[in-house]
Amino acid sequence: ILPFVLLLASLYALNTGRPRGSLVLLALACCTKQFTWIFLPFYLLLLAGPAAADRSVSDLLRSSAAHWRRWLLFAGVCALITLPFLAWGPGAFIDDILLFNAGNSEQNYPLGGTPGFGAANLVLYFQLVESRNDFFPFVIPLLLLGLPLAALLLLVQKRRNSAALMLSCGSLALLIVLFLSRLFHDNHLGLALMWIAVAVLGDDF
């Protein structure tokens, strides 16, 4: 529930004219759950406001770079939270945050979840691996399918830029990425559906 509340609080702070507070809350959300980072490009687009539809991608990137002090604040909050754990045990930190979920650890996140949904179950069904603990290169479908679909969702948001569309498009991108990974389960599905429900109820959907 923490990433759900923190992301909504971040959007509320941004909507009420407190961008620095919004970025602090966004950083807290990103440090609570790794997959919240998927919302970052949609948040970046949201900062451009309603005029985003008439601006080029390069112009939007330059506009975002101009607010480097705000992003330094975002990076500082992330560093303040994560660096102590990284310093405490670099190997354990990398193994738990990255390798375990990617399938490159000694004891990987089990394919298909606990239990779960998604492409990992297809890998098991077609016996493309010998064990649920085996590595499978999900980065390939993520790059071939997940990345283009996420880019398409960004274009959808760009046409009518709003907090509600940011939540809904970001949540759909989250579902796509998780579906094409080894760790999609009911908690992820429920969280994304809650964000989509809030987006649909929003005035600017």
N, C-alpha and C. Protein backbone atom coordinates (compact mmCIF):
# COMPACT_ATOMS: atom_id res chain seq x y z
N ILE A 1 0.82 -1.21 0.00
CA ILE A 1 0.00 0.00 0.00
C ILE A 1 0.85 1.27 0.00
N LEU A 2 2.11 1.17 0.46
CA LEU A 2 2.95 2.37 0.55
C LEU A 2 3.21 3.03 -0.81
N PRO A 3 3.62 2.29 -1.84
CA PRO A 3 3.82 2.97 -3.13
C PRO A 3 2.54 3.59 -3.67
N PHE A 4 1.39 2.95 -3.40
CA PHE A 4 0.09 3.49 -3.84
C PHE A 4 -0.15 4.86 -3.21
N VAL A 5 0.00 4.94 -1.89
CA VAL A 5 -0.26 6.19 -1.17
C VAL A 5 0.77 7.26 -1.54
N LEU A 6 2.04 6.87 -1.60
CA LEU A 6 3.10 7.86 -1.87
C LEU A 6 2.99 8.46 -3.27
N LEU A 7 2.65 7.64 -4.26
CA LEU A 7 2.51 8.16 -5.62
C LEU A 7 1.32 9.11 -5.72
N LEU A 8 0.21 8.75 -5.08
CA LEU A 8 -0.95 9.64 -5.09
C LEU A 8 -0.64 10.94 -4.35
N ALA A 9 0.08 10.84 -3.24
CA ALA A 9 0.46 12.05 -2.49
C ALA A 9 1.38 12.93 -3.32
N SER A 10 2.26 12.32 -4.10
CA SER A 10 3.15 13.07 -4.98
C SER A 10 2.36 13.85 -6.03
N LEU A 11 1.37 13.21 -6.62
CA LEU A 11 0.54 13.88 -7.62
C LEU A 11 -0.30 14.99 -7.00
N TYR A 12 -0.78 14.75 -5.77
CA TYR A 12 -1.55 15.79 -5.07
C TYR A 12 -0.68 17.01 -4.79
N ALA A 13 0.56 16.77 -4.35
CA ALA A 13 1.48 17.88 -4.08
C ALA A 13 1.77 18.66 -5.35
N LEU A 14 1.96 17.95 -6.46
CA LEU A 14 2.22 18.62 -7.74
C LEU A 14 1.01 19.43 -8.18
N ASN A 15 -0.17 18.89 -8.00
CA ASN A 15 -1.41 19.56 -8.42
C ASN A 15 -1.71 20.80 -7.58
N THR A 16 -1.17 20.83 -6.36
CA THR A 16 -1.40 21.98 -5.47
C THR A 16 -0.22 22.93 -5.43
N GLY A 17 0.64 22.84 -6.43
CA GLY A 17 1.72 23.82 -6.57
C GLY A 17 2.91 23.61 -5.68
N ARG A 18 3.21 22.36 -5.31
CA ARG A 18 4.39 22.06 -4.49
C ARG A 18 5.27 21.02 -5.19
N PRO A 19 5.96 21.44 -6.26
CA PRO A 19 6.75 20.48 -7.06
C PRO A 19 7.88 19.82 -6.28
N ARG A 20 8.54 20.56 -5.38
CA ARG A 20 9.63 19.96 -4.62
C ARG A 20 9.10 18.88 -3.68
N GLY A 21 8.00 19.17 -3.01
CA GLY A 21 7.39 18.17 -2.15
C GLY A 21 6.93 16.96 -2.95
N SER A 22 6.45 17.22 -4.17
CA SER A 22 6.01 16.14 -5.04
C SER A 22 7.18 15.22 -5.39
N LEU A 23 8.33 15.81 -5.68
CA LEU A 23 9.50 15.00 -6.05
C LEU A 23 10.04 14.21 -4.86
N VAL A 24 9.96 14.80 -3.67
CA VAL A 24 10.38 14.07 -2.46
C VAL A 24 9.49 12.84 -2.27
N LEU A 25 8.19 13.02 -2.41
CA LEU A 25 7.25 11.90 -2.26
C LEU A 25 7.45 10.86 -3.36
N LEU A 26 7.73 11.33 -4.58
CA LEU A 26 7.99 10.40 -5.68
C LEU A 26 9.25 9.58 -5.39
N ALA A 27 10.28 10.23 -4.86
CA ALA A 27 11.51 9.51 -4.51
C ALA A 27 11.24 8.46 -3.44
N LEU A 28 10.42 8.81 -2.46
CA LEU A 28 10.06 7.84 -1.42
C LEU A 28 9.31 6.65 -2.01
N ALA A 29 8.42 6.94 -2.98
CA ALA A 29 7.69 5.85 -3.64
C ALA A 29 8.64 4.95 -4.41
N CYS A 30 9.60 5.55 -5.13
CA CYS A 30 10.55 4.77 -5.92
C CYS A 30 11.45 3.92 -5.03
N CYS A 31 11.76 4.43 -3.83
CA CYS A 31 12.60 3.66 -2.90
C CYS A 31 11.81 2.61 -2.13
N THR A 32 10.50 2.70 -2.16
CA THR A 32 9.67 1.71 -1.47
C THR A 32 9.50 0.46 -2.32
N LYS A 33 9.26 0.66 -3.62
CA LYS A 33 9.09 -0.46 -4.54
C LYS A 33 9.80 -0.14 -5.86
N GLN A 34 10.61 -1.11 -6.34
CA GLN A 34 11.39 -0.84 -7.55
C GLN A 34 10.52 -0.50 -8.74
N PHE A 35 9.37 -1.17 -8.89
CA PHE A 35 8.60 -0.98 -10.11
C PHE A 35 7.93 0.39 -10.20
N THR A 36 7.97 1.18 -9.12
CA THR A 36 7.44 2.54 -9.19
C THR A 36 8.25 3.40 -10.15
N TRP A 37 9.50 2.99 -10.43
CA TRP A 37 10.33 3.73 -11.38
C TRP A 37 9.72 3.75 -12.77
N ILE A 38 8.86 2.80 -13.07
CA ILE A 38 8.20 2.77 -14.37
C ILE A 38 7.38 4.03 -14.60
N PHE A 39 6.90 4.64 -13.51
CA PHE A 39 6.08 5.84 -13.63
C PHE A 39 6.91 7.10 -13.91
N LEU A 40 8.22 7.02 -13.76
CA LEU A 40 9.06 8.22 -13.86
C LEU A 40 8.94 8.93 -15.22
N PRO A 41 9.03 8.23 -16.37
CA PRO A 41 8.88 8.96 -17.64
C PRO A 41 7.49 9.58 -17.81
N PHE A 42 6.46 8.95 -17.26
CA PHE A 42 5.11 9.51 -17.33
C PHE A 42 4.99 10.74 -16.43
N TYR A 43 5.68 10.71 -15.31
CA TYR A 43 5.72 11.88 -14.42
C TYR A 43 6.47 13.03 -15.09
N LEU A 44 7.59 12.71 -15.74
CA LEU A 44 8.35 13.74 -16.46
C LEU A 44 7.48 14.43 -17.51
N LEU A 45 6.70 13.65 -18.22
CA LEU A 45 5.81 14.22 -19.23
C LEU A 45 4.73 15.07 -18.57
N LEU A 46 4.23 14.63 -17.44
CA LEU A 46 3.19 15.39 -16.72
C LEU A 46 3.68 16.78 -16.34
N LEU A 47 4.97 16.91 -16.00
CA LEU A 47 5.52 18.21 -15.61
C LEU A 47 5.43 19.24 -16.73
N ALA A 48 5.35 18.76 -17.98
CA ALA A 48 5.26 19.68 -19.11
C ALA A 48 3.91 20.38 -19.19
N GLY A 49 2.90 19.83 -18.53
CA GLY A 49 1.58 20.45 -18.51
C GLY A 49 0.77 20.19 -19.78
N PRO A 50 -0.37 20.86 -19.89
CA PRO A 50 -1.26 20.64 -21.05
C PRO A 50 -0.63 20.98 -22.39
N ALA A 51 0.40 21.83 -22.39
CA ALA A 51 1.02 22.24 -23.65
C ALA A 51 1.91 21.16 -24.24
N ALA A 52 2.04 20.02 -23.56
CA ALA A 52 2.94 18.96 -24.03
C ALA A 52 2.56 18.46 -25.42
N ALA A 53 1.27 18.50 -25.75
CA ALA A 53 0.80 17.97 -27.04
C ALA A 53 1.40 18.72 -28.21
N ASP A 54 1.74 20.01 -28.01
CA ASP A 54 2.26 20.83 -29.11
C ASP A 54 3.77 20.94 -29.11
N ARG A 55 4.46 20.21 -28.24
CA ARG A 55 5.91 20.34 -28.12
C ARG A 55 6.60 19.06 -28.59
N SER A 56 7.79 19.22 -29.13
CA SER A 56 8.55 18.07 -29.60
C SER A 56 9.18 17.35 -28.42
N VAL A 57 9.62 16.12 -28.67
CA VAL A 57 10.25 15.33 -27.61
C VAL A 57 11.53 16.00 -27.13
N SER A 58 12.33 16.52 -28.06
CA SER A 58 13.59 17.19 -27.68
C SER A 58 13.32 18.43 -26.84
N ASP A 59 12.25 19.16 -27.17
CA ASP A 59 11.88 20.34 -26.40
C ASP A 59 11.45 19.95 -25.00
N LEU A 60 10.72 18.85 -24.88
CA LEU A 60 10.29 18.37 -23.57
C LEU A 60 11.48 17.94 -22.72
N LEU A 61 12.47 17.30 -23.35
CA LEU A 61 13.67 16.88 -22.63
C LEU A 61 14.47 18.08 -22.15
N ARG A 62 14.59 19.10 -22.99
CA ARG A 62 15.31 20.31 -22.59
C ARG A 62 14.60 21.01 -21.43
N SER A 63 13.27 21.03 -21.48
CA SER A 63 12.50 21.65 -20.40
C SER A 63 12.70 20.92 -19.08
N SER A 64 12.73 19.60 -19.16
CA SER A 64 12.95 18.82 -17.94
C SER A 64 14.36 19.03 -17.39
N ALA A 65 15.35 19.11 -18.28
CA ALA A 65 16.73 19.31 -17.84
C ALA A 65 16.93 20.67 -17.18
N ALA A 66 16.09 21.63 -17.57
CA ALA A 66 16.20 22.97 -17.00
C ALA A 66 15.87 22.98 -15.50
N HIS A 67 15.13 21.99 -15.05
CA HIS A 67 14.77 21.89 -13.63
C HIS A 67 15.72 20.94 -12.90
N TRP A 68 17.02 21.07 -13.19
CA TRP A 68 18.00 20.12 -12.66
C TRP A 68 18.08 20.18 -11.13
N ARG A 69 17.78 21.33 -10.53
CA ARG A 69 17.85 21.42 -9.06
C ARG A 69 16.78 20.53 -8.42
N ARG A 70 15.62 20.48 -9.03
CA ARG A 70 14.57 19.61 -8.50
C ARG A 70 14.98 18.14 -8.61
N TRP A 71 15.58 17.78 -9.74
CA TRP A 71 15.99 16.38 -9.91
C TRP A 71 17.17 16.03 -9.03
N LEU A 72 17.97 17.05 -8.67
CA LEU A 72 19.04 16.82 -7.70
C LEU A 72 18.44 16.50 -6.33
N LEU A 73 17.34 17.16 -6.01
CA LEU A 73 16.62 16.86 -4.77
C LEU A 73 16.08 15.44 -4.80
N PHE A 74 15.49 15.04 -5.92
CA PHE A 74 14.97 13.68 -6.09
C PHE A 74 16.09 12.66 -5.89
N ALA A 75 17.24 12.89 -6.55
CA ALA A 75 18.37 11.97 -6.44
C ALA A 75 18.92 11.94 -5.02
N GLY A 76 18.92 13.09 -4.35
CA GLY A 76 19.42 13.15 -2.98
C GLY A 76 18.58 12.34 -2.02
N VAL A 77 17.26 12.42 -2.16
CA VAL A 77 16.37 11.63 -1.30
C VAL A 77 16.57 10.14 -1.55
N CYS A 78 16.67 9.76 -2.83
CA CYS A 78 16.91 8.35 -3.16
C CYS A 78 18.22 7.86 -2.57
N ALA A 79 19.26 8.70 -2.67
CA ALA A 79 20.58 8.33 -2.14
C ALA A 79 20.54 8.23 -0.62
N LEU A 80 19.85 9.15 0.03
CA LEU A 80 19.77 9.15 1.49
C LEU A 80 19.13 7.86 2.01
N ILE A 81 18.18 7.33 1.27
CA ILE A 81 17.47 6.12 1.71
C ILE A 81 18.24 4.86 1.33
N THR A 82 18.77 4.81 0.12
CA THR A 82 19.33 3.55 -0.38
C THR A 82 20.81 3.36 -0.05
N LEU A 83 21.60 4.43 -0.03
CA LEU A 83 23.04 4.27 0.16
C LEU A 83 23.42 3.60 1.48
N PRO A 84 22.74 3.89 2.61
CA PRO A 84 23.10 3.16 3.84
C PRO A 84 22.94 1.65 3.70
N PHE A 85 21.90 1.19 3.02
CA PHE A 85 21.71 -0.25 2.82
C PHE A 85 22.76 -0.81 1.87
N LEU A 86 23.11 -0.01 0.84
CA LEU A 86 24.14 -0.44 -0.10
C LEU A 86 25.49 -0.56 0.60
N ALA A 87 25.79 0.42 1.47
CA ALA A 87 27.06 0.38 2.20
C ALA A 87 27.09 -0.75 3.21
N TRP A 88 25.95 -1.06 3.80
CA TRP A 88 25.85 -2.13 4.80
C TRP A 88 26.25 -3.48 4.20
N GLY A 89 25.78 -3.75 2.99
CA GLY A 89 26.11 -5.02 2.33
C GLY A 89 25.90 -4.89 0.85
N PRO A 90 26.90 -4.40 0.10
CA PRO A 90 26.73 -4.17 -1.34
C PRO A 90 26.28 -5.42 -2.09
N GLY A 91 26.92 -6.56 -1.79
CA GLY A 91 26.56 -7.79 -2.48
C GLY A 91 25.14 -8.22 -2.22
N ALA A 92 24.73 -8.15 -0.95
CA ALA A 92 23.37 -8.54 -0.57
C ALA A 92 22.35 -7.58 -1.16
N PHE A 93 22.69 -6.28 -1.20
CA PHE A 93 21.78 -5.27 -1.75
C PHE A 93 21.52 -5.54 -3.23
N ILE A 94 22.59 -5.71 -3.99
CA ILE A 94 22.46 -5.96 -5.43
C ILE A 94 21.73 -7.28 -5.70
N ASP A 95 22.04 -8.30 -4.89
CA ASP A 95 21.41 -9.60 -5.07
C ASP A 95 19.90 -9.51 -4.82
N ASP A 96 19.52 -8.80 -3.76
CA ASP A 96 18.10 -8.73 -3.39
C ASP A 96 17.29 -7.82 -4.31
N ILE A 97 17.87 -6.69 -4.69
CA ILE A 97 17.14 -5.70 -5.47
C ILE A 97 17.12 -6.04 -6.95
N LEU A 98 18.24 -6.56 -7.47
CA LEU A 98 18.36 -6.78 -8.91
C LEU A 98 18.39 -8.25 -9.30
N LEU A 99 19.38 -8.97 -8.79
CA LEU A 99 19.63 -10.33 -9.29
C LEU A 99 18.51 -11.29 -8.95
N PHE A 100 17.96 -11.21 -7.74
CA PHE A 100 16.89 -12.11 -7.31
C PHE A 100 15.68 -12.01 -8.23
N ASN A 101 15.30 -10.78 -8.57
CA ASN A 101 14.12 -10.56 -9.42
C ASN A 101 14.41 -10.86 -10.89
N ALA A 102 15.68 -10.72 -11.30
CA ALA A 102 16.03 -10.95 -12.71
C ALA A 102 16.31 -12.41 -13.00
N GLY A 103 16.51 -13.21 -11.94
CA GLY A 103 16.79 -14.63 -12.14
C GLY A 103 18.26 -14.97 -12.23
N ASN A 104 19.12 -14.07 -11.73
CA ASN A 104 20.56 -14.28 -11.81
C ASN A 104 21.18 -14.54 -10.44
N SER A 105 20.36 -14.86 -9.46
CA SER A 105 20.85 -15.12 -8.11
C SER A 105 20.94 -16.63 -7.86
N GLU A 106 21.54 -17.01 -6.75
CA GLU A 106 21.61 -18.43 -6.39
C GLU A 106 20.22 -18.98 -6.10
N GLN A 107 19.37 -18.15 -5.50
CA GLN A 107 17.99 -18.54 -5.22
C GLN A 107 17.08 -17.47 -5.81
N ASN A 108 16.62 -17.70 -7.04
CA ASN A 108 15.88 -16.69 -7.79
C ASN A 108 14.41 -16.62 -7.38
N TYR A 109 13.81 -15.47 -7.74
CA TYR A 109 12.35 -15.37 -7.63
C TYR A 109 11.75 -16.45 -8.53
N PRO A 110 10.85 -17.28 -7.99
CA PRO A 110 10.35 -18.42 -8.79
C PRO A 110 9.56 -17.98 -10.02
N LEU A 111 9.83 -18.62 -11.12
CA LEU A 111 9.08 -18.35 -12.35
C LEU A 111 7.59 -18.60 -12.12
N GLY A 112 6.77 -17.68 -12.59
CA GLY A 112 5.33 -17.85 -12.44
C GLY A 112 4.77 -17.26 -11.17
N GLY A 113 5.64 -16.71 -10.31
CA GLY A 113 5.15 -16.07 -9.10
C GLY A 113 4.87 -17.03 -7.98
N THR A 114 4.11 -16.57 -6.99
CA THR A 114 3.93 -17.36 -5.76
C THR A 114 2.47 -17.48 -5.28
N PRO A 115 1.48 -17.87 -6.07
CA PRO A 115 1.54 -18.06 -7.53
C PRO A 115 1.32 -16.73 -8.24
N GLY A 116 1.39 -16.75 -9.56
CA GLY A 116 1.25 -15.50 -10.28
C GLY A 116 0.65 -15.68 -11.65
N PHE A 117 0.84 -14.67 -12.48
CA PHE A 117 0.27 -14.65 -13.82
C PHE A 117 1.39 -14.34 -14.80
N GLY A 118 1.05 -14.17 -16.04
CA GLY A 118 1.98 -13.60 -16.99
C GLY A 118 2.79 -14.59 -17.80
N ALA A 119 3.77 -14.01 -18.53
CA ALA A 119 4.56 -14.76 -19.49
C ALA A 119 5.39 -15.86 -18.83
N ALA A 120 5.74 -15.68 -17.57
CA ALA A 120 6.54 -16.70 -16.88
C ALA A 120 5.82 -18.04 -16.83
N ASN A 121 4.51 -18.01 -16.72
CA ASN A 121 3.74 -19.25 -16.72
C ASN A 121 3.75 -19.92 -18.10
N LEU A 122 3.84 -19.12 -19.15
CA LEU A 122 3.96 -19.68 -20.50
C LEU A 122 5.32 -20.36 -20.66
N VAL A 123 6.34 -19.76 -20.08
CA VAL A 123 7.67 -20.37 -20.12
C VAL A 123 7.64 -21.74 -19.45
N LEU A 124 6.92 -21.83 -18.33
CA LEU A 124 6.80 -23.11 -17.63
C LEU A 124 5.95 -24.10 -18.43
N TYR A 125 4.86 -23.61 -19.00
CA TYR A 125 3.93 -24.48 -19.72
C TYR A 125 4.61 -25.13 -20.93
N PHE A 126 5.40 -24.35 -21.65
CA PHE A 126 6.08 -24.88 -22.83
C PHE A 126 7.44 -25.50 -22.50
N GLN A 127 7.71 -25.63 -21.19
CA GLN A 127 8.92 -26.30 -20.70
C GLN A 127 10.19 -25.73 -21.34
N LEU A 128 10.28 -24.40 -21.33
CA LEU A 128 11.46 -23.73 -21.85
C LEU A 128 12.59 -23.69 -20.83
N VAL A 129 12.29 -24.08 -19.60
CA VAL A 129 13.29 -24.19 -18.54
C VAL A 129 13.08 -25.51 -17.82
N GLU A 130 14.08 -25.94 -17.08
CA GLU A 130 13.98 -27.19 -16.35
C GLU A 130 13.38 -27.01 -14.96
N SER A 131 13.55 -25.82 -14.38
CA SER A 131 13.10 -25.57 -13.01
C SER A 131 12.54 -24.17 -12.90
N ARG A 132 11.64 -23.96 -11.93
CA ARG A 132 11.08 -22.62 -11.68
C ARG A 132 12.14 -21.65 -11.20
N ASN A 133 13.28 -22.15 -10.79
CA ASN A 133 14.36 -21.30 -10.29
C ASN A 133 15.33 -20.90 -11.40
N ASP A 134 15.15 -21.44 -12.61
CA ASP A 134 16.10 -21.18 -13.70
C ASP A 134 15.96 -19.76 -14.24
N PHE A 135 17.05 -19.31 -14.84
CA PHE A 135 17.06 -18.01 -15.51
C PHE A 135 16.36 -18.11 -16.85
N PHE A 136 15.61 -17.06 -17.22
CA PHE A 136 15.04 -16.95 -18.57
C PHE A 136 15.22 -15.50 -19.02
N PRO A 137 15.63 -15.25 -20.26
CA PRO A 137 15.94 -13.88 -20.72
C PRO A 137 14.69 -13.05 -21.03
N PHE A 138 14.00 -12.64 -19.98
CA PHE A 138 12.79 -11.81 -20.19
C PHE A 138 13.12 -10.43 -20.74
N VAL A 139 14.39 -10.06 -20.70
CA VAL A 139 14.78 -8.76 -21.24
C VAL A 139 14.47 -8.69 -22.74
N ILE A 140 14.47 -9.83 -23.42
CA ILE A 140 14.20 -9.84 -24.87
C ILE A 140 12.75 -9.42 -25.16
N PRO A 141 11.71 -10.08 -24.57
CA PRO A 141 10.35 -9.59 -24.83
C PRO A 141 10.09 -8.19 -24.26
N LEU A 142 10.80 -7.82 -23.21
CA LEU A 142 10.64 -6.48 -22.66
C LEU A 142 11.12 -5.43 -23.66
N LEU A 143 12.25 -5.69 -24.32
CA LEU A 143 12.77 -4.74 -25.29
C LEU A 143 11.96 -4.75 -26.58
N LEU A 144 11.55 -5.93 -27.03
CA LEU A 144 10.85 -6.05 -28.31
C LEU A 144 9.39 -5.64 -28.23
N LEU A 145 8.76 -5.87 -27.09
CA LEU A 145 7.33 -5.61 -26.96
C LEU A 145 7.01 -4.58 -25.88
N GLY A 146 7.61 -4.73 -24.72
CA GLY A 146 7.31 -3.85 -23.60
C GLY A 146 7.69 -2.41 -23.84
N LEU A 147 8.90 -2.19 -24.36
CA LEU A 147 9.37 -0.82 -24.59
C LEU A 147 8.55 -0.08 -25.64
N PRO A 148 8.25 -0.69 -26.80
CA PRO A 148 7.40 0.02 -27.78
C PRO A 148 6.00 0.33 -27.25
N LEU A 149 5.41 -0.60 -26.50
CA LEU A 149 4.08 -0.35 -25.95
C LEU A 149 4.11 0.76 -24.91
N ALA A 150 5.16 0.80 -24.10
CA ALA A 150 5.29 1.89 -23.12
C ALA A 150 5.45 3.23 -23.82
N ALA A 151 6.22 3.25 -24.92
CA ALA A 151 6.39 4.48 -25.70
C ALA A 151 5.06 4.93 -26.31
N LEU A 152 4.25 3.97 -26.74
CA LEU A 152 2.93 4.29 -27.29
C LEU A 152 2.04 4.90 -26.21
N LEU A 153 2.12 4.39 -25.01
CA LEU A 153 1.33 4.94 -23.89
C LEU A 153 1.78 6.36 -23.56
N LEU A 154 3.06 6.63 -23.67
CA LEU A 154 3.54 8.00 -23.47
C LEU A 154 2.96 8.95 -24.51
N LEU A 155 2.83 8.48 -25.74
CA LEU A 155 2.22 9.30 -26.79
C LEU A 155 0.75 9.55 -26.51
N VAL A 156 0.07 8.55 -25.95
CA VAL A 156 -1.34 8.72 -25.57
C VAL A 156 -1.46 9.80 -24.51
N GLN A 157 -0.58 9.75 -23.51
CA GLN A 157 -0.63 10.77 -22.45
C GLN A 157 -0.27 12.15 -23.01
N LYS A 158 0.67 12.20 -23.94
CA LYS A 158 1.13 13.48 -24.49
C LYS A 158 -0.01 14.23 -25.19
N ARG A 159 -0.94 13.51 -25.79
CA ARG A 159 -2.03 14.17 -26.51
C ARG A 159 -2.99 14.90 -25.57
N ARG A 160 -3.13 14.37 -24.36
CA ARG A 160 -4.02 15.02 -23.40
C ARG A 160 -3.42 14.83 -22.01
N ASN A 161 -2.40 15.63 -21.74
CA ASN A 161 -1.56 15.45 -20.56
C ASN A 161 -2.31 15.81 -19.28
N SER A 162 -2.44 14.85 -18.38
CA SER A 162 -3.12 15.09 -17.11
C SER A 162 -2.64 14.07 -16.09
N ALA A 163 -2.91 14.36 -14.82
CA ALA A 163 -2.52 13.44 -13.75
C ALA A 163 -3.25 12.12 -13.87
N ALA A 164 -4.51 12.17 -14.28
CA ALA A 164 -5.30 10.95 -14.42
C ALA A 164 -4.73 10.06 -15.52
N LEU A 165 -4.37 10.68 -16.66
CA LEU A 165 -3.79 9.89 -17.75
C LEU A 165 -2.39 9.40 -17.38
N MET A 166 -1.66 10.20 -16.60
CA MET A 166 -0.35 9.75 -16.13
C MET A 166 -0.51 8.47 -15.31
N LEU A 167 -1.49 8.46 -14.41
CA LEU A 167 -1.72 7.28 -13.57
C LEU A 167 -2.17 6.08 -14.40
N SER A 168 -3.11 6.31 -15.31
CA SER A 168 -3.65 5.19 -16.08
C SER A 168 -2.63 4.64 -17.07
N CYS A 169 -1.94 5.52 -17.80
CA CYS A 169 -0.94 5.06 -18.77
C CYS A 169 0.25 4.42 -18.05
N GLY A 170 0.67 5.03 -16.95
CA GLY A 170 1.76 4.45 -16.17
C GLY A 170 1.40 3.09 -15.61
N SER A 171 0.15 2.93 -15.17
CA SER A 171 -0.30 1.64 -14.62
C SER A 171 -0.38 0.58 -15.71
N LEU A 172 -0.84 0.96 -16.90
CA LEU A 172 -0.87 0.01 -18.01
C LEU A 172 0.55 -0.41 -18.42
N ALA A 173 1.48 0.55 -18.42
CA ALA A 173 2.87 0.22 -18.70
C ALA A 173 3.42 -0.72 -17.64
N LEU A 174 3.04 -0.48 -16.39
CA LEU A 174 3.45 -1.37 -15.30
C LEU A 174 2.94 -2.78 -15.51
N LEU A 175 1.67 -2.91 -15.89
CA LEU A 175 1.10 -4.23 -16.14
C LEU A 175 1.81 -4.94 -17.29
N ILE A 176 2.14 -4.20 -18.34
CA ILE A 176 2.82 -4.80 -19.49
C ILE A 176 4.21 -5.29 -19.09
N VAL A 177 4.95 -4.44 -18.38
CA VAL A 177 6.31 -4.81 -17.97
C VAL A 177 6.29 -6.01 -17.02
N LEU A 178 5.37 -5.99 -16.07
CA LEU A 178 5.30 -7.10 -15.11
C LEU A 178 4.83 -8.39 -15.79
N PHE A 179 3.90 -8.27 -16.74
CA PHE A 179 3.43 -9.45 -17.47
C PHE A 179 4.59 -10.12 -18.22
N LEU A 180 5.51 -9.32 -18.72
CA LEU A 180 6.63 -9.83 -19.50
C LEU A 180 7.85 -10.12 -18.63
N SER A 181 7.64 -10.22 -17.32
CA SER A 181 8.74 -10.52 -16.40
C SER A 181 8.46 -11.82 -15.66
N ARG A 182 9.33 -12.19 -14.73
CA ARG A 182 9.18 -13.44 -14.00
C ARG A 182 8.41 -13.26 -12.69
N LEU A 183 7.98 -12.03 -12.35
CA LEU A 183 7.48 -11.81 -11.00
C LEU A 183 6.09 -11.19 -10.91
N PHE A 184 5.26 -11.39 -11.93
CA PHE A 184 3.91 -10.80 -11.93
C PHE A 184 2.97 -11.65 -11.09
N HIS A 185 2.44 -11.08 -9.99
CA HIS A 185 1.48 -11.83 -9.17
C HIS A 185 0.34 -10.92 -8.73
N ASP A 186 -0.56 -11.44 -7.91
CA ASP A 186 -1.83 -10.73 -7.63
C ASP A 186 -1.63 -9.41 -6.90
N ASN A 187 -0.59 -9.27 -6.08
CA ASN A 187 -0.35 -7.99 -5.41
C ASN A 187 -0.06 -6.88 -6.43
N HIS A 188 0.74 -7.21 -7.44
CA HIS A 188 1.03 -6.23 -8.49
C HIS A 188 -0.23 -5.88 -9.27
N LEU A 189 -1.02 -6.88 -9.59
CA LEU A 189 -2.26 -6.66 -10.34
C LEU A 189 -3.21 -5.76 -9.55
N GLY A 190 -3.37 -6.06 -8.26
CA GLY A 190 -4.26 -5.26 -7.42
C GLY A 190 -3.80 -3.82 -7.30
N LEU A 191 -2.50 -3.61 -7.16
CA LEU A 191 -1.96 -2.26 -7.03
C LEU A 191 -2.20 -1.45 -8.30
N ALA A 192 -1.92 -2.04 -9.46
CA ALA A 192 -2.13 -1.34 -10.73
C ALA A 192 -3.61 -1.02 -10.94
N LEU A 193 -4.48 -1.95 -10.58
CA LEU A 193 -5.92 -1.71 -10.75
C LEU A 193 -6.41 -0.61 -9.82
N MET A 194 -5.83 -0.49 -8.63
CA MET A 194 -6.21 0.60 -7.72
C MET A 194 -5.83 1.95 -8.32
N TRP A 195 -4.61 2.04 -8.89
CA TRP A 195 -4.20 3.29 -9.52
C TRP A 195 -5.10 3.63 -10.70
N ILE A 196 -5.47 2.62 -11.50
CA ILE A 196 -6.35 2.86 -12.65
C ILE A 196 -7.73 3.31 -12.18
N ALA A 197 -8.22 2.72 -11.09
CA ALA A 197 -9.52 3.12 -10.55
C ALA A 197 -9.52 4.58 -10.12
N VAL A 198 -8.44 5.01 -9.46
CA VAL A 198 -8.32 6.41 -9.05
C VAL A 198 -8.27 7.31 -10.28
N ALA A 199 -7.54 6.88 -11.32
CA ALA A 199 -7.44 7.67 -12.55
C ALA A 199 -8.80 7.86 -13.21
N VAL A 200 -9.58 6.79 -13.28
CA VAL A 200 -10.90 6.85 -13.91
C VAL A 200 -11.82 7.79 -13.14
N LEU A 201 -11.67 7.80 -11.82
CA LEU A 201 -12.50 8.68 -10.99
C LEU A 201 -12.04 10.13 -11.01
N GLY A 202 -10.83 10.38 -11.59
CA GLY A 202 -10.31 11.73 -11.61
C GLY A 202 -11.10 12.63 -12.54
N ASP A 203 -11.13 13.92 -12.21
CA ASP A 203 -11.90 14.89 -12.99
C ASP A 203 -11.31 15.13 -14.37
N ASP A 204 -9.98 14.89 -14.50
CA ASP A 204 -9.32 15.23 -15.76
C ASP A 204 -8.98 13.99 -16.58
N PHE A 205 -9.72 12.90 -16.37
CA PHE A 205 -9.43 11.66 -17.11
C PHE A 205 -9.83 11.82 -18.58
